[in-house]
Amino acid sequence: MDAESSAGRLDRLTLNIEDVARLLGINRSTAYELARRDALPVPVIRLGRRMVVSRRAMEALLGTDDDSGLGGDAA
């Protein structure tokens, strides 16, 4: 995936579990397992089979809830 489409996805109000995994520095399967068990450090929003996390909750967890936000770079 190119940087432009990745950055565009991060402008949304929610993040998918793959984005959460990348931001937390864990692998995708671990993130999905934690989400299924409600063990992620942020609340998981379930929309049918889809699971997402509030971008604001992730920003608060990571201490990036200022104007810069999460941006497109998880490093």
C-alpha atoms as a PDB file:
ATOM      1  CA  MET A   1       0.000   0.000   0.000  1.00  0.00           C
ATOM      2  CA  ASP A   2       1.359   3.432  -0.851  1.00  0.00           C
ATOM      3  CA  ALA A   3       1.760   6.262   1.642  1.00  0.00           C
ATOM      4  CA  GLU A   4      -1.042   8.346   0.146  1.00  0.00           C
ATOM      5  CA  SER A   5      -3.753   5.702   0.560  1.00  0.00           C
ATOM      6  CA  SER A   6      -2.453   4.812   4.035  1.00  0.00           C
ATOM      7  CA  ALA A   7      -2.543   8.463   5.119  1.00  0.00           C
ATOM      8  CA  GLY A   8      -6.055   8.838   3.689  1.00  0.00           C
ATOM      9  CA  ARG A   9      -7.264   5.918   5.767  1.00  0.00           C
ATOM     10  CA  LEU A  10      -5.852   7.467   8.921  1.00  0.00           C
ATOM     11  CA  ASP A  11      -7.939  10.625   8.388  1.00  0.00           C
ATOM     12  CA  ARG A  12     -11.073   8.695   9.368  1.00  0.00           C
ATOM     13  CA  LEU A  13     -12.617   8.771  12.844  1.00  0.00           C
ATOM     14  CA  THR A  14     -12.019   5.049  13.308  1.00  0.00           C
ATOM     15  CA  LEU A  15      -9.051   2.769  12.737  1.00  0.00           C
ATOM     16  CA  ASN A  16      -9.238  -0.843  11.656  1.00  0.00           C
ATOM     17  CA  ILE A  17      -7.462  -3.516  13.677  1.00  0.00           C
ATOM     18  CA  GLU A  18      -4.560  -3.662  11.217  1.00  0.00           C
ATOM     19  CA  ASP A  19      -3.916   0.065  11.757  1.00  0.00           C
ATOM     20  CA  VAL A  20      -4.131  -0.415  15.529  1.00  0.00           C
ATOM     21  CA  ALA A  21      -1.617  -3.282  15.342  1.00  0.00           C
ATOM     22  CA  ARG A  22       0.813  -1.150  13.351  1.00  0.00           C
ATOM     23  CA  LEU A  23       0.504   1.784  15.761  1.00  0.00           C
ATOM     24  CA  LEU A  24       1.002  -0.459  18.808  1.00  0.00           C
ATOM     25  CA  GLY A  25       3.913  -2.317  17.229  1.00  0.00           C
ATOM     26  CA  ILE A  26       2.278  -5.749  17.456  1.00  0.00           C
ATOM     27  CA  ASN A  27       1.453  -8.217  14.721  1.00  0.00           C
ATOM     28  CA  ARG A  28      -1.953  -8.292  13.103  1.00  0.00           C
ATOM     29  CA  SER A  29      -3.032 -11.709  14.405  1.00  0.00           C
ATOM     30  CA  THR A  30      -2.210 -10.690  17.983  1.00  0.00           C
ATOM     31  CA  ALA A  31      -4.223  -7.490  17.585  1.00  0.00           C
ATOM     32  CA  TYR A  32      -7.244  -9.401  16.225  1.00  0.00           C
ATOM     33  CA  GLU A  33      -7.039 -11.912  19.067  1.00  0.00           C
ATOM     34  CA  LEU A  34      -6.845  -9.132  21.675  1.00  0.00           C
ATOM     35  CA  ALA A  35      -9.789  -7.361  20.010  1.00  0.00           C
ATOM     36  CA  ARG A  36     -11.874 -10.556  20.067  1.00  0.00           C
ATOM     37  CA  ARG A  37     -11.187 -10.941  23.805  1.00  0.00           C
ATOM     38  CA  ASP A  38     -11.769  -7.226  24.555  1.00  0.00           C
ATOM     39  CA  ALA A  39      -8.161  -7.095  25.741  1.00  0.00           C
ATOM     40  CA  LEU A  40      -6.896  -4.187  23.645  1.00  0.00           C
ATOM     41  CA  PRO A  41      -6.024  -1.126  25.765  1.00  0.00           C
ATOM     42  CA  VAL A  42      -8.802   0.790  23.951  1.00  0.00           C
ATOM     43  CA  PRO A  43     -12.497  -0.056  23.460  1.00  0.00           C
ATOM     44  CA  VAL A  44     -13.334  -2.060  20.333  1.00  0.00           C
ATOM     45  CA  ILE A  45     -16.408  -1.033  18.332  1.00  0.00           C
ATOM     46  CA  ARG A  46     -18.117  -3.986  16.650  1.00  0.00           C
ATOM     47  CA  LEU A  47     -20.052  -3.350  13.453  1.00  0.00           C
ATOM     48  CA  GLY A  48     -21.357  -6.766  12.520  1.00  0.00           C
ATOM     49  CA  ARG A  49     -18.213  -8.821  11.906  1.00  0.00           C
ATOM     50  CA  ARG A  50     -16.059  -5.731  11.494  1.00  0.00           C
ATOM     51  CA  MET A  51     -14.058  -4.379  14.428  1.00  0.00           C
ATOM     52  CA  VAL A  52     -12.760  -0.810  14.632  1.00  0.00           C
ATOM     53  CA  VAL A  53     -11.276   1.456  17.278  1.00  0.00           C
ATOM     54  CA  SER A  54     -11.876   5.151  17.848  1.00  0.00           C
ATOM     55  CA  ARG A  55      -9.021   7.215  16.496  1.00  0.00           C
ATOM     56  CA  ARG A  56      -9.367   9.569  19.483  1.00  0.00           C
ATOM     57  CA  ALA A  57      -9.032   6.643  21.905  1.00  0.00           C
ATOM     58  CA  MET A  58      -5.789   5.602  20.189  1.00  0.00           C
ATOM     59  CA  GLU A  59      -4.506   9.191  20.208  1.00  0.00           C
ATOM     60  CA  ALA A  60      -5.228   9.447  23.947  1.00  0.00           C
ATOM     61  CA  LEU A  61      -3.516   6.113  24.618  1.00  0.00           C
ATOM     62  CA  LEU A  62      -0.428   7.077  22.629  1.00  0.00           C
ATOM     63  CA  GLY A  63      -0.343  10.651  23.907  1.00  0.00           C
ATOM     64  CA  THR A  64      -0.829  12.140  20.445  1.00  0.00           C
ATOM     65  CA  ASP A  65      -4.147  13.892  21.055  1.00  0.00           C
ATOM     66  CA  ASP A  66      -2.761  17.281  19.990  1.00  0.00           C
ATOM     67  CA  ASP A  67      -3.097  18.919  16.558  1.00  0.00           C
ATOM     68  CA  SER A  68      -0.536  16.575  14.986  1.00  0.00           C
ATOM     69  CA  GLY A  69      -2.653  13.504  15.718  1.00  0.00           C
ATOM     70  CA  LEU A  70      -1.596  10.070  14.578  1.00  0.00           C
ATOM     71  CA  GLY A  71      -0.599  11.253  11.131  1.00  0.00           C
ATOM     72  CA  GLY A  72       0.328   8.692   8.524  1.00  0.00           C
ATOM     73  CA  ASP A  73       3.512   7.494  10.207  1.00  0.00           C
ATOM     74  CA  ALA A  74       3.299   4.942  13.000  1.00  0.00           C
ATOM     75  CA  ALA A  75       7.019   4.999  13.789  1.00  0.00           C
END
